[in-house]
Amino acid sequence: MADKYTKKETDYSRGHRDSHCGRLGAWDDGYCKYYIGTEHTGKCKIVEGTINAIYWCNKFEKVRK
């Protein structure tokens, strides 16, 4: 995929315990496989812009351990 989705296209918004972008300590089991970054901010492989680890979008796909 050459282009990334916009945050608006993916309903990028506040996540919850079972679905959020990045690893967050106590919320360690619900993060997305597309997230690249730290516990605070990073990037996404498929959504453009800076990504907040505690957020979520409709392209969320839980990482498989």
N, C-alpha and C. Protein backbone atom coordinates (compact mmCIF):
# COMPACT_ATOMS: atom_id res chain seq x y z
N MET A 1 0.85 -1.17 0.00
CA MET A 1 0.00 0.00 0.00
C MET A 1 0.90 1.24 0.00
N ALA A 2 0.82 2.04 -1.01
CA ALA A 2 1.64 3.24 -1.12
C ALA A 2 1.12 4.36 -0.23
N ASP A 3 -0.17 4.60 -0.25
CA ASP A 3 -0.78 5.66 0.55
C ASP A 3 -1.34 5.09 1.84
N LYS A 4 -1.34 5.94 2.87
CA LYS A 4 -1.91 5.54 4.14
C LYS A 4 -3.31 6.12 4.28
N TYR A 5 -4.10 5.52 5.14
CA TYR A 5 -5.42 6.05 5.45
C TYR A 5 -5.27 7.33 6.28
N THR A 6 -6.26 8.21 6.19
CA THR A 6 -6.28 9.37 7.06
C THR A 6 -6.91 8.97 8.39
N LYS A 7 -6.67 9.78 9.42
CA LYS A 7 -7.28 9.51 10.72
C LYS A 7 -8.80 9.60 10.62
N LYS A 8 -9.29 10.52 9.82
CA LYS A 8 -10.74 10.67 9.66
C LYS A 8 -11.36 9.42 9.02
N GLU A 9 -10.70 8.88 8.02
CA GLU A 9 -11.20 7.67 7.34
C GLU A 9 -11.29 6.46 8.27
N THR A 10 -10.45 6.44 9.30
CA THR A 10 -10.39 5.27 10.17
C THR A 10 -11.04 5.46 11.54
N ASP A 11 -11.72 6.58 11.73
CA ASP A 11 -12.36 6.88 13.01
C ASP A 11 -11.34 6.83 14.15
N TYR A 12 -10.16 7.39 13.92
CA TYR A 12 -9.11 7.47 14.93
C TYR A 12 -9.63 8.22 16.15
N SER A 13 -9.67 7.54 17.30
CA SER A 13 -10.25 8.12 18.50
C SER A 13 -9.74 7.37 19.73
N ARG A 14 -10.19 7.80 20.87
CA ARG A 14 -9.74 7.20 22.13
C ARG A 14 -10.02 5.70 22.16
N GLY A 15 -9.04 4.91 22.56
CA GLY A 15 -9.19 3.46 22.63
C GLY A 15 -9.71 3.02 23.99
N HIS A 16 -9.58 1.73 24.27
CA HIS A 16 -9.97 1.17 25.57
C HIS A 16 -9.07 -0.02 25.88
N ARG A 17 -9.28 -0.64 26.99
CA ARG A 17 -8.37 -1.69 27.48
C ARG A 17 -8.05 -2.78 26.44
N ASP A 18 -9.01 -3.20 25.68
CA ASP A 18 -8.78 -4.31 24.74
C ASP A 18 -8.43 -3.88 23.32
N SER A 19 -8.48 -2.59 23.03
CA SER A 19 -8.19 -2.12 21.67
C SER A 19 -7.58 -0.72 21.72
N HIS A 20 -6.27 -0.65 21.53
CA HIS A 20 -5.56 0.63 21.48
C HIS A 20 -4.31 0.45 20.64
N CYS A 21 -3.74 1.53 20.19
CA CYS A 21 -2.62 1.46 19.25
C CYS A 21 -1.36 0.82 19.82
N GLY A 22 -0.84 1.38 20.90
CA GLY A 22 0.47 0.94 21.39
C GLY A 22 0.45 0.20 22.71
N ARG A 23 1.62 -0.29 23.09
CA ARG A 23 1.78 -0.98 24.38
C ARG A 23 1.69 0.04 25.49
N LEU A 24 0.92 -0.26 26.52
CA LEU A 24 0.68 0.69 27.61
C LEU A 24 0.75 0.05 28.98
N GLY A 25 1.83 -0.59 29.30
CA GLY A 25 2.00 -1.16 30.63
C GLY A 25 0.88 -2.11 31.01
N ALA A 26 -0.02 -1.66 31.88
CA ALA A 26 -1.12 -2.50 32.36
C ALA A 26 -2.06 -2.92 31.23
N TRP A 27 -2.10 -2.13 30.15
CA TRP A 27 -2.97 -2.44 29.01
C TRP A 27 -2.18 -3.20 27.93
N ASP A 28 -1.22 -3.97 28.33
CA ASP A 28 -0.26 -4.58 27.41
C ASP A 28 -0.86 -5.58 26.43
N ASP A 29 -2.03 -6.13 26.66
CA ASP A 29 -2.57 -7.17 25.80
C ASP A 29 -3.45 -6.68 24.65
N GLY A 30 -3.79 -5.38 24.59
CA GLY A 30 -4.74 -4.94 23.60
C GLY A 30 -4.18 -4.05 22.51
N TYR A 31 -2.90 -4.15 22.23
CA TYR A 31 -2.33 -3.23 21.26
C TYR A 31 -2.33 -3.76 19.82
N CYS A 32 -2.16 -2.85 18.89
CA CYS A 32 -2.31 -3.14 17.46
C CYS A 32 -0.99 -3.53 16.78
N LYS A 33 -1.08 -4.45 15.86
CA LYS A 33 0.12 -4.91 15.14
C LYS A 33 0.69 -3.87 14.19
N TYR A 34 -0.06 -2.83 13.84
CA TYR A 34 0.43 -1.83 12.90
C TYR A 34 1.19 -0.68 13.57
N TYR A 35 1.15 -0.60 14.89
CA TYR A 35 1.78 0.50 15.63
C TYR A 35 3.29 0.36 15.67
N ILE A 36 3.99 1.48 15.47
CA ILE A 36 5.44 1.52 15.54
C ILE A 36 5.79 2.70 16.45
N GLY A 37 6.32 2.45 17.61
CA GLY A 37 6.66 3.57 18.47
C GLY A 37 6.85 3.20 19.92
N THR A 38 6.70 4.21 20.77
CA THR A 38 6.93 4.06 22.20
C THR A 38 5.59 3.90 22.92
N GLU A 39 5.65 3.92 24.25
CA GLU A 39 4.42 3.85 25.04
C GLU A 39 3.61 5.13 24.94
N HIS A 40 4.16 6.18 24.35
CA HIS A 40 3.47 7.46 24.30
C HIS A 40 3.00 7.82 22.89
N THR A 41 3.93 7.98 21.98
CA THR A 41 3.56 8.32 20.61
C THR A 41 4.43 7.57 19.62
N GLY A 42 3.91 7.47 18.41
CA GLY A 42 4.66 6.77 17.38
C GLY A 42 4.02 6.98 16.02
N LYS A 43 4.18 5.99 15.19
CA LYS A 43 3.64 5.99 13.84
C LYS A 43 2.83 4.72 13.64
N CYS A 44 2.11 4.69 12.55
CA CYS A 44 1.33 3.51 12.18
C CYS A 44 1.74 3.09 10.78
N LYS A 45 1.75 1.82 10.52
CA LYS A 45 2.10 1.31 9.20
C LYS A 45 1.04 1.66 8.16
N ILE A 46 -0.23 1.90 8.59
CA ILE A 46 -1.30 2.10 7.61
C ILE A 46 -2.11 3.39 7.78
N VAL A 47 -1.86 4.15 8.88
CA VAL A 47 -2.58 5.41 9.11
C VAL A 47 -1.55 6.54 9.17
N GLU A 48 -1.84 7.64 8.51
CA GLU A 48 -0.88 8.73 8.43
C GLU A 48 -0.79 9.55 9.72
N GLY A 49 0.33 10.23 9.89
CA GLY A 49 0.52 11.15 10.99
C GLY A 49 1.06 10.52 12.26
N THR A 50 1.22 11.36 13.27
CA THR A 50 1.66 10.89 14.58
C THR A 50 0.50 10.18 15.27
N ILE A 51 0.81 9.06 15.91
CA ILE A 51 -0.22 8.23 16.53
C ILE A 51 -0.01 8.19 18.04
N ASN A 52 -1.07 8.45 18.77
CA ASN A 52 -1.06 8.37 20.22
C ASN A 52 -1.31 6.91 20.60
N ALA A 53 -0.46 6.36 21.44
CA ALA A 53 -0.55 4.93 21.79
C ALA A 53 -1.87 4.54 22.44
N ILE A 54 -2.53 5.47 23.10
CA ILE A 54 -3.79 5.14 23.79
C ILE A 54 -5.01 5.22 22.87
N TYR A 55 -4.83 5.63 21.63
CA TYR A 55 -5.94 5.75 20.69
C TYR A 55 -6.20 4.45 19.95
N TRP A 56 -7.15 4.45 19.05
CA TRP A 56 -7.64 3.27 18.33
C TRP A 56 -8.17 3.72 16.98
N CYS A 57 -8.30 2.83 16.02
CA CYS A 57 -9.01 3.12 14.76
C CYS A 57 -9.69 1.86 14.25
N ASN A 58 -10.53 2.01 13.24
CA ASN A 58 -11.29 0.85 12.75
C ASN A 58 -10.46 -0.12 11.91
N LYS A 59 -9.18 0.14 11.75
CA LYS A 59 -8.27 -0.80 11.10
C LYS A 59 -7.49 -1.60 12.13
N PHE A 60 -7.84 -1.42 13.41
CA PHE A 60 -7.17 -2.10 14.51
C PHE A 60 -7.11 -3.61 14.28
N GLU A 61 -5.94 -4.15 14.50
CA GLU A 61 -5.77 -5.60 14.44
C GLU A 61 -4.83 -6.00 15.59
N LYS A 62 -5.38 -6.69 16.54
CA LYS A 62 -4.64 -7.03 17.74
C LYS A 62 -3.40 -7.86 17.42
N VAL A 63 -2.30 -7.50 18.06
CA VAL A 63 -1.05 -8.23 17.86
C VAL A 63 -1.22 -9.66 18.38
N ARG A 64 -0.63 -10.59 17.70
CA ARG A 64 -0.67 -11.99 18.11
C ARG A 64 0.66 -12.32 18.76
N LYS A 65 0.59 -12.83 19.97
CA LYS A 65 1.83 -13.15 20.70
C LYS A 65 2.25 -14.57 20.46
